[in-house]
Amino acid sequence: MHSPQNRYLSKGEKMKIKNYLILLGCTALLLSCAAGPDTLVVMTHDSFAISEPVIAAFEEAHNVQVTFLPSGDAGSTLNRAILSKDAPVADVLFGVDNTFLSRALEEKLFLPYAPAALAQIIAEIPLVPGKQMVPVDYGDVCINYDKSYFAEQDLALPQTLDDLLDPSYKGLLVVENPATSSPGLAFLLATIAEYGPEGFLNFWKALKENGLVVVNDWETAYYTNFSGSAGQGPQPMVVSYATSPTAEVIFAEEELDASPTASLVGQNMCFRQIEYAGILKGTQKLELAQAFIDHMLSPVFQSDIPLNMFVYPVIQGAEIPQEFIDHAQIPQKPAVLEAELIAQYRESWIAAWRELFTN
């Protein structure tokens, strides 16, 4: 509503107001220009890592500052996204894997987006129906073993999951609790793929009777219990990653020609994890978020993944480091379960496992 007093302003007063409004408009324009780049927030799990120049190239190309929001492990990250979905704290989420994918889709957290690079995804990586999330990397959770222990004991390597029940391997394996650990859950799913929902608990019962050691997290299992790591622990087998032997070589204090560890890669002894990224509903930076998804599937980003996160790129033609070729093993028949099946039964499988190991 207009004030009636405005009708009685003098011509000079009206001109002063006009000039003042013009000055305000110019000031606002200058401030917006000086405000600097926009900001894009990317929520990730704590293991996300990529080289600074790769992010800087995106920031420069789009005049944006990328802020990463580490949010715990994969499960915790997804939980945070779900709890904040009515008021999202990020524009993009990275790190939901195929063990949690269906839950993420059921919560309707993401906007569909189909980057052109999806046509370059390697054949063995499944795409998400509806394109609500896109695959970014993959890796295999496997049992790693200490080469020197098996050589010194003149002990044959297990070739199947069944072999682990042999008394000669009593007390030699440490695994992570699937209720608290992503690799622990992946290994549980591998056993379900092998023995089925009806038979996997019988395998775990026999494994428990054969001296299985269970700890809560990967760090404890690998660095405290595993004899092949710097911790020099009591177990020569540990649930870890097929790329862990590569990391042993790269991060060794002294240069190594070969890794002191390797992986057991028999049929269904490994579980293939695929990590996805998506654009969160509610973002005010849709075009920037789409551009960042494009960047994650670009050759420069994909080729930077292996030596930062020790997983594999999903795009055909991305560079694989020589260290991966020399020291990592790729299972020919990793365990696979439908994401919908995992979503439906994951919690009941974990509860059944927990009950077995609590009693």
Protein backbone atom coordinates (compact mmCIF):
# COMPACT_ATOMS: atom_id res chain seq x y z
CA MET A 1 0.00 0.00 0.00
CA HIS A 2 1.34 3.47 -0.88
CA SER A 3 1.55 6.31 1.61
CA PRO A 4 -0.59 9.33 0.58
CA GLN A 5 2.29 11.64 1.55
CA ASN A 6 4.21 10.52 -1.58
CA ARG A 7 1.82 12.50 -3.78
CA TYR A 8 2.95 15.81 -2.24
CA LEU A 9 6.76 15.39 -2.65
CA SER A 10 8.49 18.19 -4.53
CA LYS A 11 10.13 17.54 -7.91
CA GLY A 12 13.57 17.92 -6.33
CA GLU A 13 12.77 15.50 -3.55
CA LYS A 14 11.48 12.97 -6.10
CA MET A 15 14.75 13.30 -8.04
CA LYS A 16 16.80 12.69 -4.87
CA ILE A 17 14.83 9.51 -4.18
CA LYS A 18 15.31 8.33 -7.76
CA ASN A 19 19.08 8.91 -7.58
CA TYR A 20 19.22 7.14 -4.21
CA LEU A 21 17.42 4.09 -5.61
CA ILE A 22 19.82 4.00 -8.57
CA LEU A 23 22.75 4.17 -6.14
CA LEU A 24 21.30 1.28 -4.10
CA GLY A 25 20.92 -0.84 -7.23
CA CYS A 26 24.51 -0.21 -8.32
CA THR A 27 25.78 -1.02 -4.83
CA ALA A 28 23.89 -4.31 -4.79
CA LEU A 29 25.32 -5.21 -8.20
CA LEU A 30 28.86 -4.47 -7.06
CA LEU A 31 28.39 -6.52 -3.89
CA SER A 32 27.09 -9.49 -5.85
CA CYS A 33 30.09 -9.32 -8.15
CA ALA A 34 32.45 -9.14 -5.18
CA ALA A 35 30.78 -12.03 -3.39
CA GLY A 36 33.12 -14.53 -5.03
CA PRO A 37 32.34 -18.04 -6.20
CA ASP A 38 29.23 -19.99 -5.36
CA THR A 39 29.45 -22.96 -2.96
CA LEU A 40 28.57 -26.60 -3.65
CA VAL A 41 28.32 -28.95 -0.65
CA VAL A 42 29.14 -32.62 -1.20
CA MET A 43 28.31 -35.07 1.60
CA THR A 44 30.68 -38.09 1.69
CA HIS A 45 31.74 -40.96 3.90
CA ASP A 46 34.98 -40.49 5.83
CA SER A 47 37.05 -42.56 3.38
CA PHE A 48 36.42 -40.25 0.44
CA ALA A 49 39.63 -38.80 -1.01
CA ILE A 50 40.57 -37.19 -4.30
CA SER A 51 43.54 -35.05 -5.38
CA GLU A 52 43.24 -31.30 -4.79
CA PRO A 53 44.09 -30.36 -8.42
CA VAL A 54 41.17 -32.49 -9.64
CA ILE A 55 38.75 -30.54 -7.44
CA ALA A 56 40.46 -27.22 -8.20
CA ALA A 57 39.98 -27.78 -11.93
CA PHE A 58 36.22 -28.14 -11.40
CA GLU A 59 36.09 -25.09 -9.12
CA GLU A 60 37.91 -22.93 -11.65
CA ALA A 61 35.83 -24.14 -14.58
CA HIS A 62 32.53 -23.40 -12.80
CA ASN A 63 33.52 -20.51 -10.49
CA VAL A 64 32.46 -22.50 -7.46
CA GLN A 65 33.95 -23.58 -4.16
CA VAL A 66 33.37 -27.27 -3.36
CA THR A 67 32.91 -28.00 0.34
CA PHE A 68 33.06 -31.63 1.46
CA LEU A 69 31.00 -32.81 4.41
CA PRO A 70 32.43 -36.07 5.86
CA SER A 71 29.65 -37.90 7.70
CA GLY A 72 31.04 -41.16 9.10
CA ASP A 73 30.92 -44.53 7.37
CA ALA A 74 28.59 -45.35 4.47
CA GLY A 75 25.67 -46.25 6.75
CA SER A 76 26.06 -43.15 8.91
CA THR A 77 26.30 -40.93 5.84
CA LEU A 78 23.06 -42.30 4.45
CA ASN A 79 21.36 -41.94 7.84
CA ARG A 80 22.39 -38.29 8.00
CA ALA A 81 20.99 -37.68 4.52
CA ILE A 82 17.70 -39.35 5.50
CA LEU A 83 17.34 -37.41 8.76
CA SER A 84 17.99 -34.10 6.97
CA LYS A 85 16.03 -34.78 3.78
CA ASP A 86 13.39 -32.14 4.56
CA ALA A 87 16.16 -29.56 4.92
CA PRO A 88 19.18 -30.99 3.05
CA VAL A 89 22.61 -30.04 4.35
CA ALA A 90 24.30 -30.85 1.03
CA ASP A 91 23.71 -30.71 -2.71
CA VAL A 92 25.36 -33.99 -3.71
CA LEU A 93 25.89 -37.25 -1.81
CA PHE A 94 28.70 -39.70 -2.55
CA GLY A 95 29.33 -43.05 -0.90
CA VAL A 96 26.11 -45.06 -0.82
CA ASP A 97 27.14 -48.59 -1.78
CA ASN A 98 25.09 -51.47 -3.11
CA THR A 99 24.48 -52.84 0.39
CA PHE A 100 22.46 -49.68 1.20
CA LEU A 101 21.32 -48.64 -2.30
CA SER A 102 17.73 -49.83 -2.08
CA ARG A 103 17.23 -48.07 1.24
CA ALA A 104 18.50 -44.83 -0.28
CA LEU A 105 16.11 -45.19 -3.23
CA GLU A 106 13.15 -46.04 -0.99
CA GLU A 107 13.68 -42.80 0.90
CA LYS A 108 13.40 -40.85 -2.40
CA LEU A 109 16.39 -38.68 -1.56
CA PHE A 110 17.65 -38.02 -5.07
CA LEU A 111 16.79 -36.22 -8.28
CA PRO A 112 17.18 -38.31 -11.44
CA TYR A 113 20.09 -37.41 -13.68
CA ALA A 114 21.58 -39.29 -16.61
CA PRO A 115 25.05 -37.94 -17.48
CA ALA A 116 26.35 -38.71 -20.95
CA ALA A 117 29.22 -40.71 -19.43
CA LEU A 118 26.79 -43.46 -18.37
CA ALA A 119 27.33 -44.87 -21.85
CA GLN A 120 30.98 -45.46 -20.90
CA ILE A 121 30.30 -47.45 -17.69
CA ILE A 122 31.97 -50.87 -17.85
CA ALA A 123 29.57 -53.69 -18.60
CA GLU A 124 29.77 -55.51 -15.24
CA ILE A 125 28.59 -52.47 -13.27
CA PRO A 126 24.77 -52.29 -13.10
CA LEU A 127 23.04 -48.94 -13.57
CA VAL A 128 20.32 -47.74 -11.21
CA PRO A 129 16.79 -47.84 -12.63
CA GLY A 130 15.48 -44.30 -12.95
CA LYS A 131 19.02 -42.88 -12.88
CA GLN A 132 18.52 -41.55 -9.36
CA MET A 133 22.14 -42.40 -8.57
CA VAL A 134 25.16 -43.12 -10.75
CA PRO A 135 28.03 -45.57 -10.08
CA VAL A 136 31.39 -43.93 -9.40
CA ASP A 137 33.75 -46.72 -8.29
CA TYR A 138 33.88 -50.38 -7.28
CA GLY A 139 36.06 -52.70 -5.23
CA ASP A 140 36.06 -56.21 -3.83
CA VAL A 141 35.98 -57.19 -0.16
CA CYS A 142 38.07 -60.35 0.17
CA ILE A 143 40.03 -62.32 2.74
CA ASN A 144 43.65 -61.13 2.74
CA TYR A 145 46.40 -63.45 3.94
CA ASP A 146 49.94 -63.14 5.24
CA LYS A 147 52.18 -64.81 2.63
CA SER A 148 55.07 -65.45 5.00
CA TYR A 149 52.89 -67.23 7.58
CA PHE A 150 51.54 -69.75 5.09
CA ALA A 151 54.99 -70.29 3.60
CA GLU A 152 56.68 -70.79 6.98
CA GLN A 153 53.94 -73.16 8.18
CA ASP A 154 53.90 -74.98 4.83
CA LEU A 155 50.14 -74.54 4.96
CA ALA A 156 48.00 -74.72 1.81
CA LEU A 157 45.78 -71.73 1.09
CA PRO A 158 42.00 -72.06 1.44
CA GLN A 159 40.42 -72.19 -2.01
CA THR A 160 36.75 -71.99 -0.95
CA LEU A 161 34.69 -70.74 1.97
CA ASP A 162 34.18 -74.37 3.00
CA ASP A 163 37.94 -74.78 3.32
CA LEU A 164 37.95 -72.24 6.14
CA LEU A 165 36.18 -74.81 8.32
CA ASP A 166 39.16 -77.15 8.19
CA PRO A 167 40.82 -77.56 11.64
CA SER A 168 44.17 -76.58 10.12
CA TYR A 169 42.83 -72.99 9.94
CA LYS A 170 41.48 -72.94 13.50
CA GLY A 171 41.80 -69.46 15.02
CA LEU A 172 43.55 -68.03 11.93
CA LEU A 173 40.79 -65.73 10.61
CA VAL A 174 39.63 -62.36 11.95
CA VAL A 175 36.47 -60.73 10.60
CA GLU A 176 34.59 -57.52 11.32
CA ASN A 177 31.17 -57.36 12.94
CA PRO A 178 28.65 -56.90 10.08
CA ALA A 179 26.46 -54.77 12.34
CA THR A 180 29.20 -52.16 12.72
CA SER A 181 31.50 -52.56 9.73
CA SER A 182 31.02 -52.17 5.97
CA PRO A 183 33.55 -54.88 5.01
CA GLY A 184 32.10 -57.10 7.73
CA LEU A 185 28.65 -56.74 6.18
CA ALA A 186 30.06 -57.36 2.70
CA PHE A 187 31.65 -60.62 3.83
CA LEU A 188 28.40 -61.69 5.50
CA LEU A 189 26.63 -61.09 2.18
CA ALA A 190 29.25 -63.16 0.36
CA THR A 191 28.43 -66.11 2.61
CA ILE A 192 24.71 -65.63 1.96
CA ALA A 193 25.37 -65.63 -1.78
CA GLU A 194 27.29 -68.91 -1.36
CA TYR A 195 25.06 -70.78 1.09
CA GLY A 196 21.71 -69.03 0.66
CA PRO A 197 19.52 -67.40 3.32
CA GLU A 198 18.73 -70.85 4.72
CA GLY A 199 22.30 -72.12 5.05
CA PHE A 200 24.60 -69.21 5.84
CA LEU A 201 24.14 -69.43 9.63
CA ASN A 202 25.28 -73.06 9.62
CA PHE A 203 28.50 -71.92 7.96
CA TRP A 204 29.02 -69.17 10.54
CA LYS A 205 28.29 -71.56 13.41
CA ALA A 206 30.97 -73.92 12.12
CA LEU A 207 33.34 -71.00 11.57
CA LYS A 208 32.76 -69.86 15.16
CA GLU A 209 33.53 -73.36 16.41
CA ASN A 210 36.75 -73.24 14.38
CA GLY A 211 38.09 -70.33 16.41
CA LEU A 212 36.84 -67.37 14.37
CA VAL A 213 37.86 -64.00 15.85
CA VAL A 214 35.36 -61.10 15.53
CA VAL A 215 36.19 -57.41 16.10
CA ASN A 216 34.07 -54.31 15.59
CA ASP A 217 35.91 -52.47 12.84
CA TRP A 218 38.34 -52.82 9.94
CA GLU A 219 41.09 -50.76 11.58
CA THR A 220 41.27 -53.13 14.56
CA ALA A 221 41.07 -56.23 12.39
CA TYR A 222 43.76 -55.11 9.97
CA TYR A 223 46.19 -53.15 12.11
CA THR A 224 45.89 -55.02 15.43
CA ASN A 225 44.89 -58.61 14.67
CA PHE A 226 46.30 -59.26 11.21
CA SER A 227 49.86 -60.61 11.14
CA GLY A 228 50.49 -59.31 7.62
CA SER A 229 50.15 -55.65 8.60
CA ALA A 230 52.37 -53.37 10.65
CA GLY A 231 50.57 -54.60 13.78
CA GLN A 232 51.97 -58.13 13.47
CA GLY A 233 48.92 -59.60 15.18
CA PRO A 234 48.02 -63.27 15.78
CA GLN A 235 45.72 -63.91 12.78
CA PRO A 236 47.25 -64.47 9.31
CA MET A 237 43.86 -64.00 7.55
CA VAL A 238 41.63 -60.93 7.67
CA VAL A 239 38.56 -59.64 5.86
CA SER A 240 39.83 -56.61 3.95
CA TYR A 241 40.01 -55.50 0.31
CA ALA A 242 41.50 -56.96 -2.85
CA THR A 243 43.48 -53.74 -3.20
CA SER A 244 44.98 -53.90 0.31
CA PRO A 245 48.11 -55.66 -1.01
CA THR A 246 48.65 -52.70 -3.33
CA ALA A 247 48.45 -50.33 -0.37
CA GLU A 248 51.02 -52.46 1.51
CA VAL A 249 53.50 -51.83 -1.30
CA ILE A 250 52.76 -48.13 -1.80
CA PHE A 251 52.90 -47.22 1.89
CA ALA A 252 55.79 -49.48 2.89
CA GLU A 253 58.59 -47.71 4.75
CA GLU A 254 61.11 -49.48 2.54
CA GLU A 255 60.64 -50.13 -1.18
CA LEU A 256 59.09 -53.53 -1.88
CA ASP A 257 59.15 -55.56 -5.08
CA ALA A 258 56.16 -57.64 -3.96
CA SER A 259 53.39 -57.26 -1.42
CA PRO A 260 53.68 -59.27 1.83
CA THR A 261 49.96 -59.99 1.52
CA ALA A 262 47.56 -61.30 -1.12
CA SER A 263 43.85 -62.09 -1.45
CA LEU A 264 41.78 -65.26 -1.58
CA VAL A 265 39.64 -64.80 -4.66
CA GLY A 266 37.82 -68.13 -5.11
CA GLN A 267 34.19 -68.21 -6.19
CA ASN A 268 31.96 -66.23 -3.80
CA MET A 269 34.89 -65.61 -1.44
CA CYS A 270 34.74 -61.88 -2.26
CA PHE A 271 31.85 -59.43 -2.38
CA ARG A 272 31.82 -56.65 -4.96
CA GLN A 273 30.99 -53.23 -3.51
CA ILE A 274 29.85 -50.48 -5.86
CA GLU A 275 29.71 -46.87 -4.66
CA TYR A 276 27.19 -44.38 -6.04
CA ALA A 277 26.62 -40.63 -6.08
CA GLY A 278 23.40 -38.66 -6.47
CA ILE A 279 21.92 -35.16 -6.44
CA LEU A 280 19.93 -34.53 -3.26
CA LYS A 281 16.38 -33.23 -3.59
CA GLY A 282 16.07 -29.68 -2.34
CA THR A 283 19.37 -28.48 -3.76
CA GLN A 284 19.40 -24.88 -4.92
CA LYS A 285 22.43 -25.60 -7.11
CA LEU A 286 20.99 -28.09 -9.59
CA GLU A 287 23.16 -27.17 -12.58
CA LEU A 288 26.33 -27.16 -10.47
CA ALA A 289 25.35 -30.48 -8.89
CA GLN A 290 24.81 -32.01 -12.33
CA ALA A 291 28.16 -30.64 -13.45
CA PHE A 292 29.86 -32.21 -10.43
CA ILE A 293 28.33 -35.60 -11.22
CA ASP A 294 29.67 -35.17 -14.76
CA HIS A 295 33.08 -34.36 -13.29
CA MET A 296 33.07 -37.48 -11.11
CA LEU A 297 32.62 -39.57 -14.25
CA SER A 298 35.25 -37.68 -16.24
CA PRO A 299 38.52 -39.43 -17.19
CA VAL A 300 40.61 -37.12 -14.97
CA PHE A 301 38.49 -37.81 -11.86
CA GLN A 302 38.09 -41.51 -12.56
CA SER A 303 41.82 -42.01 -13.14
CA ASP A 304 42.53 -40.25 -9.84
CA ILE A 305 40.33 -42.62 -7.80
CA PRO A 306 42.55 -45.74 -7.46
CA LEU A 307 45.53 -44.27 -5.64
CA ASN A 308 43.33 -42.13 -3.38
CA MET A 309 40.57 -44.53 -2.34
CA PHE A 310 42.10 -47.86 -3.45
CA VAL A 311 39.10 -48.85 -5.52
CA TYR A 312 38.57 -49.09 -9.28
CA PRO A 313 37.06 -46.54 -11.67
CA VAL A 314 33.83 -47.46 -13.46
CA ILE A 315 34.47 -45.68 -16.77
CA GLN A 316 35.99 -47.54 -19.70
CA GLY A 317 39.45 -46.29 -20.55
CA ALA A 318 40.20 -44.72 -17.14
CA GLU A 319 43.83 -45.17 -16.16
CA ILE A 320 44.64 -48.08 -13.85
CA PRO A 321 47.91 -47.56 -11.93
CA GLN A 322 50.67 -50.08 -12.53
CA GLU A 323 50.70 -50.87 -8.80
CA PHE A 324 47.14 -52.18 -9.10
CA ILE A 325 48.07 -54.30 -12.09
CA ASP A 326 51.11 -55.72 -10.28
CA HIS A 327 49.74 -56.34 -6.78
CA ALA A 328 45.91 -56.38 -6.70
CA GLN A 329 43.78 -59.36 -7.68
CA ILE A 330 40.39 -59.13 -9.35
CA PRO A 331 38.10 -62.06 -8.50
CA GLN A 332 36.58 -63.67 -11.57
CA LYS A 333 33.40 -64.71 -9.76
CA PRO A 334 32.70 -62.32 -6.88
CA ALA A 335 29.56 -62.79 -4.84
CA VAL A 336 26.57 -60.78 -6.02
CA LEU A 337 23.16 -60.27 -4.42
CA GLU A 338 20.25 -58.25 -5.77
CA ALA A 339 20.02 -54.84 -4.10
CA GLU A 340 16.30 -55.40 -3.47
CA LEU A 341 17.03 -58.68 -1.69
CA ILE A 342 19.65 -57.00 0.48
CA ALA A 343 17.25 -54.19 1.34
CA GLN A 344 14.49 -56.61 2.30
CA TYR A 345 16.54 -58.94 4.50
CA ARG A 346 19.70 -57.07 5.53
CA GLU A 347 18.54 -56.23 9.05
CA SER A 348 17.13 -59.70 9.73
CA TRP A 349 20.34 -61.32 8.46
CA ILE A 350 22.42 -59.09 10.72
CA ALA A 351 20.12 -59.80 13.67
CA ALA A 352 20.42 -63.55 13.13
CA TRP A 353 24.21 -63.27 12.92
CA ARG A 354 24.31 -61.14 16.07
CA GLU A 355 22.18 -63.63 17.98
CA LEU A 356 24.53 -66.46 17.00
CA PHE A 357 27.60 -64.57 18.22
CA THR A 358 25.97 -63.18 21.35
CA ASN A 359 25.06 -66.63 22.64
